[in-house]
Amino acid sequence: MLAGRIIAIDYGQKRVGLAVTDPEQIIATSLTTVRSIDTIPFLKEYTKHEQVVLFVVGEPRQMNYEVSESARFIEPFIKQLVKEFPFIPVVRTDERFTSKMAMRTIQEAGLKKKDRQNKALVDTVSATILLQSYLEQMSARSK
């Protein structure tokens, strides 16, 4: 993999959680949450200042591994992403448990109930978990 940042995208109909790696692709950190309609403009601005070498997009699946109903909302976004960033590859990865893991992580962090109900926080933590999982998968494959 080329040196540069990887961005994870936890796409939702209303909000999109974004996470990013360091340039060496070692650590995943939350970036921000944006409204779905603002995702492409945000990424255009971000890529002006940072070298992004890969987008990792969460793929919602059911427990039996079939693509879930919400995937139909993600497909148009991915088509637009590929069109707007033709030189940055897009990888899909299973996101089945990221929201539950994000909620547990937020709870374990000891945040107040009001903060735990912040859906934007859940989205960015979900994106971070998605990205960290992807990094771990890539590390395991390279061994």
Protein backbone atom coordinates (compact mmCIF):
# COMPACT_ATOMS: atom_id res chain seq x y z
CA MET A 1 0.00 0.00 0.00
CA LEU A 2 1.24 3.47 -0.84
CA ALA A 3 2.04 5.85 1.99
CA GLY A 4 -0.88 8.16 2.62
CA ARG A 5 -4.06 8.26 4.60
CA ILE A 6 -6.97 5.84 4.44
CA ILE A 7 -10.42 7.25 5.10
CA ALA A 8 -13.24 5.08 6.43
CA ILE A 9 -16.79 6.08 5.61
CA ASP A 10 -19.72 4.91 7.72
CA TYR A 11 -22.47 6.05 5.38
CA GLY A 12 -25.95 6.78 6.66
CA GLN A 13 -28.97 8.41 5.06
CA LYS A 14 -28.69 11.48 7.30
CA ARG A 15 -25.13 11.48 8.64
CA VAL A 16 -21.78 10.04 7.65
CA GLY A 17 -19.11 9.13 10.16
CA LEU A 18 -15.55 9.57 8.93
CA ALA A 19 -12.31 8.21 10.34
CA VAL A 20 -8.77 8.49 9.05
CA THR A 21 -5.39 6.84 9.48
CA ASP A 22 -2.08 8.54 10.02
CA PRO A 23 0.05 8.72 6.83
CA GLU A 24 1.83 5.48 7.81
CA GLN A 25 -1.56 3.72 8.15
CA ILE A 26 -0.92 2.51 11.67
CA ILE A 27 -3.61 4.20 13.78
CA ALA A 28 -7.26 4.92 13.02
CA THR A 29 -8.73 8.07 14.57
CA SER A 30 -12.13 9.66 14.25
CA LEU A 31 -12.23 12.57 11.85
CA THR A 32 -15.74 14.03 11.93
CA THR A 33 -19.40 13.50 11.15
CA VAL A 34 -20.96 15.31 8.21
CA ARG A 35 -24.42 15.41 6.72
CA SER A 36 -24.73 12.85 3.93
CA ILE A 37 -25.17 15.55 1.29
CA ASP A 38 -21.95 17.25 2.47
CA THR A 39 -19.73 14.15 2.27
CA ILE A 40 -18.30 14.60 -1.23
CA PRO A 41 -17.60 18.34 -0.77
CA PHE A 42 -15.93 17.60 2.58
CA LEU A 43 -13.76 14.89 1.02
CA LYS A 44 -12.81 17.16 -1.89
CA GLU A 45 -11.60 19.79 0.55
CA TYR A 46 -9.82 17.25 2.73
CA THR A 47 -7.97 15.65 -0.19
CA LYS A 48 -6.66 19.06 -1.25
CA HIS A 49 -4.55 19.12 1.92
CA GLU A 50 -3.95 15.44 2.70
CA GLN A 51 -2.82 12.54 0.54
CA VAL A 52 -5.57 9.93 0.62
CA VAL A 53 -4.74 6.59 -0.97
CA LEU A 54 -7.87 4.56 -0.17
CA PHE A 55 -11.51 4.89 0.87
CA VAL A 56 -12.95 2.10 3.02
CA VAL A 57 -16.74 2.13 2.92
CA GLY A 58 -18.84 0.16 5.36
CA GLU A 59 -21.06 -2.43 3.75
CA PRO A 60 -24.20 -3.20 5.75
CA ARG A 61 -24.88 -6.92 5.90
CA GLN A 62 -27.42 -9.10 7.61
CA MET A 63 -26.42 -11.80 10.06
CA ASN A 64 -26.46 -14.39 7.25
CA TYR A 65 -23.90 -12.25 5.33
CA GLU A 66 -26.40 -11.12 2.70
CA VAL A 67 -26.33 -7.43 1.81
CA SER A 68 -28.90 -5.58 3.90
CA GLU A 69 -31.76 -3.42 2.66
CA SER A 70 -29.90 -0.20 3.54
CA ALA A 71 -27.18 -1.03 0.99
CA ARG A 72 -29.37 0.50 -1.72
CA PHE A 73 -28.70 3.94 -0.22
CA ILE A 74 -24.95 3.41 -0.28
CA GLU A 75 -24.63 2.33 -3.92
CA PRO A 76 -25.38 5.78 -5.42
CA PHE A 77 -22.90 7.33 -2.99
CA ILE A 78 -20.17 4.89 -4.00
CA LYS A 79 -20.79 5.59 -7.67
CA GLN A 80 -20.42 9.31 -6.99
CA LEU A 81 -17.30 8.71 -4.89
CA VAL A 82 -15.65 6.73 -7.70
CA LYS A 83 -16.63 9.41 -10.22
CA GLU A 84 -15.30 12.30 -8.11
CA PHE A 85 -12.10 10.49 -7.01
CA PRO A 86 -11.17 8.20 -9.93
CA PHE A 87 -7.58 7.73 -8.71
CA ILE A 88 -8.47 6.70 -5.14
CA PRO A 89 -9.60 3.07 -4.84
CA VAL A 90 -12.73 2.19 -2.88
CA VAL A 91 -12.90 -0.97 -0.76
CA ARG A 92 -16.08 -2.28 0.84
CA THR A 93 -15.94 -3.94 4.24
CA ASP A 94 -18.47 -5.58 6.52
CA GLU A 95 -19.88 -3.14 9.08
CA ARG A 96 -22.36 -5.39 10.85
CA PHE A 97 -21.27 -4.85 14.44
CA THR A 98 -19.65 -1.41 14.31
CA SER A 99 -22.60 0.54 15.74
CA LYS A 100 -23.01 -1.86 18.66
CA MET A 101 -19.28 -1.82 19.31
CA ALA A 102 -19.30 1.99 19.13
CA MET A 103 -22.09 2.22 21.69
CA ARG A 104 -20.24 -0.14 24.02
CA THR A 105 -16.98 1.80 23.57
CA ILE A 106 -18.73 5.07 24.36
CA GLN A 107 -20.38 3.51 27.42
CA GLU A 108 -17.10 2.05 28.64
CA ALA A 109 -15.47 5.47 28.24
CA GLY A 110 -17.79 6.64 31.01
CA LEU A 111 -19.55 9.33 29.02
CA LYS A 112 -22.75 10.85 30.37
CA LYS A 113 -26.06 9.58 29.03
CA LYS A 114 -26.52 12.75 26.96
CA ASP A 115 -23.16 12.20 25.25
CA ARG A 116 -23.92 8.51 24.69
CA GLN A 117 -27.10 9.49 22.81
CA ASN A 118 -25.14 11.77 20.45
CA LYS A 119 -25.65 9.97 17.13
CA ALA A 120 -22.85 11.94 15.44
CA LEU A 121 -20.42 10.61 18.06
CA VAL A 122 -21.66 7.07 17.47
CA ASP A 123 -21.13 7.55 13.70
CA THR A 124 -17.51 8.72 14.05
CA VAL A 125 -16.69 5.98 16.57
CA SER A 126 -18.30 3.44 14.21
CA ALA A 127 -16.14 4.71 11.34
CA THR A 128 -13.06 4.47 13.54
CA ILE A 129 -13.87 0.87 14.50
CA LEU A 130 -14.52 0.06 10.84
CA LEU A 131 -11.13 1.49 9.87
CA GLN A 132 -9.25 -0.18 12.73
CA SER A 133 -10.82 -3.52 11.75
CA TYR A 134 -9.74 -3.00 8.16
CA LEU A 135 -6.17 -2.20 9.25
CA GLU A 136 -6.08 -5.34 11.40
CA GLN A 137 -7.34 -7.46 8.50
CA MET A 138 -4.65 -6.04 6.20
CA SER A 139 -1.97 -6.63 8.82
CA ALA A 140 -3.08 -10.24 9.31
CA ARG A 141 -3.06 -10.87 5.55
CA SER A 142 0.47 -9.53 5.15
CA LYS A 143 1.87 -11.97 7.75
